Amino acid sequence: MTTAAKQLDYVVQLEIDIDCEELLDAIGLPYEQSEDDDTQNVVTIRMPHEEYKEYITDNIVFEQCNEQHIANALLNAELSEYTTKATIYKPNGDVISFS
């Protein structure tokens, strides 16, 4: 994949309470400790436009949206309960954040 194609992806970062490390490990989801808050792990998901549309645009009403709705759509209901922040980096440079 070329660098230009990678830049067209949406990037979603979910901050999840560090107490959920075992759940993240159990489903094999990669994460790293937050640089800003040592009580949070960050899960980064890269999504092409089609996936973003399927999981986010088609399933979430932004007027009623929060970080837990996004985590539920991308991960699962249990992890969504421990999600404290969701940030979406759009290909055009815009950033949408829920916390």
Protein backbone atom coordinates (compact mmCIF):
# COMPACT_ATOMS: atom_id res chain seq x y z
CA MET A 1 0.00 0.00 0.00
CA THR A 2 1.40 3.41 -0.91
CA THR A 3 1.87 6.24 1.55
CA ALA A 4 -0.86 8.22 -0.21
CA ALA A 5 -3.35 5.36 0.24
CA LYS A 6 -2.51 5.08 3.94
CA GLN A 7 -3.21 8.79 4.39
CA LEU A 8 -6.74 8.26 3.12
CA ASP A 9 -7.63 5.99 6.05
CA TYR A 10 -9.69 7.11 9.00
CA VAL A 11 -7.90 6.58 12.29
CA VAL A 12 -9.92 5.95 15.44
CA GLN A 13 -8.25 6.01 18.84
CA LEU A 14 -10.14 4.68 21.83
CA GLU A 15 -8.93 5.32 25.37
CA ILE A 16 -9.93 2.42 27.60
CA ASP A 17 -9.41 2.10 31.35
CA ILE A 18 -6.17 0.27 32.13
CA ASP A 19 -8.10 -2.19 34.33
CA CYS A 20 -9.36 -3.77 31.08
CA GLU A 21 -5.94 -4.94 29.88
CA GLU A 22 -6.93 -8.58 30.39
CA LEU A 23 -10.00 -8.13 28.16
CA LEU A 24 -7.89 -6.51 25.45
CA ASP A 25 -5.32 -9.29 25.72
CA ALA A 26 -8.04 -11.97 25.61
CA ILE A 27 -9.35 -10.74 22.26
CA GLY A 28 -5.85 -10.08 20.93
CA LEU A 29 -6.36 -6.37 20.39
CA PRO A 30 -3.11 -4.38 20.31
CA TYR A 31 -2.89 -1.33 22.57
CA GLU A 32 -0.40 1.01 24.16
CA GLN A 33 -0.43 3.01 27.36
CA SER A 34 -1.67 6.58 26.92
CA GLU A 35 1.06 9.21 26.92
CA ASP A 36 -1.33 11.70 28.56
CA ASP A 37 -2.94 9.50 31.23
CA ASP A 38 -1.27 6.46 32.78
CA THR A 39 -4.66 5.06 33.82
CA GLN A 40 -5.68 4.58 30.17
CA ASN A 41 -4.68 2.30 27.31
CA VAL A 42 -5.11 3.45 23.72
CA VAL A 43 -6.45 1.18 20.98
CA THR A 44 -5.77 2.53 17.48
CA ILE A 45 -7.89 1.32 14.58
CA ARG A 46 -7.15 2.27 10.95
CA MET A 47 -10.18 2.10 8.67
CA PRO A 48 -10.59 2.66 4.93
CA HIS A 49 -13.59 4.75 3.93
CA GLU A 50 -15.82 1.72 3.26
CA GLU A 51 -15.23 0.27 6.73
CA TYR A 52 -15.72 3.66 8.38
CA LYS A 53 -19.04 4.04 6.58
CA GLU A 54 -20.15 0.54 7.61
CA TYR A 55 -19.21 0.77 11.30
CA ILE A 56 -19.57 4.47 12.06
CA THR A 57 -21.59 6.42 9.51
CA ASP A 58 -24.30 3.78 8.99
CA ASN A 59 -24.64 2.78 12.67
CA ILE A 60 -24.23 5.92 14.77
CA VAL A 61 -26.41 9.01 15.06
CA PHE A 62 -23.88 11.74 15.88
CA GLU A 63 -26.44 13.90 17.67
CA GLN A 64 -26.77 11.10 20.27
CA CYS A 65 -23.20 9.83 20.03
CA ASN A 66 -20.52 9.53 22.69
CA GLU A 67 -17.25 7.63 23.16
CA GLN A 68 -19.09 4.54 24.39
CA HIS A 69 -21.30 4.32 21.29
CA ILE A 70 -18.24 4.39 19.06
CA ALA A 71 -16.41 1.74 21.13
CA ASN A 72 -19.51 -0.47 21.09
CA ALA A 73 -19.74 -0.22 17.28
CA LEU A 74 -16.04 -1.04 16.79
CA LEU A 75 -15.25 -3.39 19.70
CA ASN A 76 -17.97 -4.71 21.99
CA ALA A 77 -20.42 -3.62 24.69
CA GLU A 78 -18.23 -4.72 27.60
CA LEU A 79 -15.18 -2.72 26.50
CA SER A 80 -17.37 0.25 25.60
CA GLU A 81 -18.36 0.62 29.25
CA TYR A 82 -14.70 1.32 30.09
CA THR A 83 -14.03 3.67 27.18
CA THR A 84 -13.35 7.21 28.35
CA LYS A 85 -12.44 8.92 25.07
CA ALA A 86 -12.84 8.35 21.34
CA THR A 87 -10.99 10.41 18.75
CA ILE A 88 -11.57 10.12 15.01
CA TYR A 89 -8.93 11.49 12.65
CA LYS A 90 -10.51 12.04 9.24
CA PRO A 91 -8.50 11.84 5.99
CA ASN A 92 -9.11 15.56 5.33
CA GLY A 93 -7.38 16.51 8.62
CA ASP A 94 -10.51 17.11 10.69
CA VAL A 95 -10.61 15.61 14.19
CA ILE A 96 -13.76 14.52 16.02
CA SER A 97 -13.38 13.78 19.73
CA PHE A 98 -15.78 12.49 22.37
CA SER A 99 -14.85 12.30 26.06
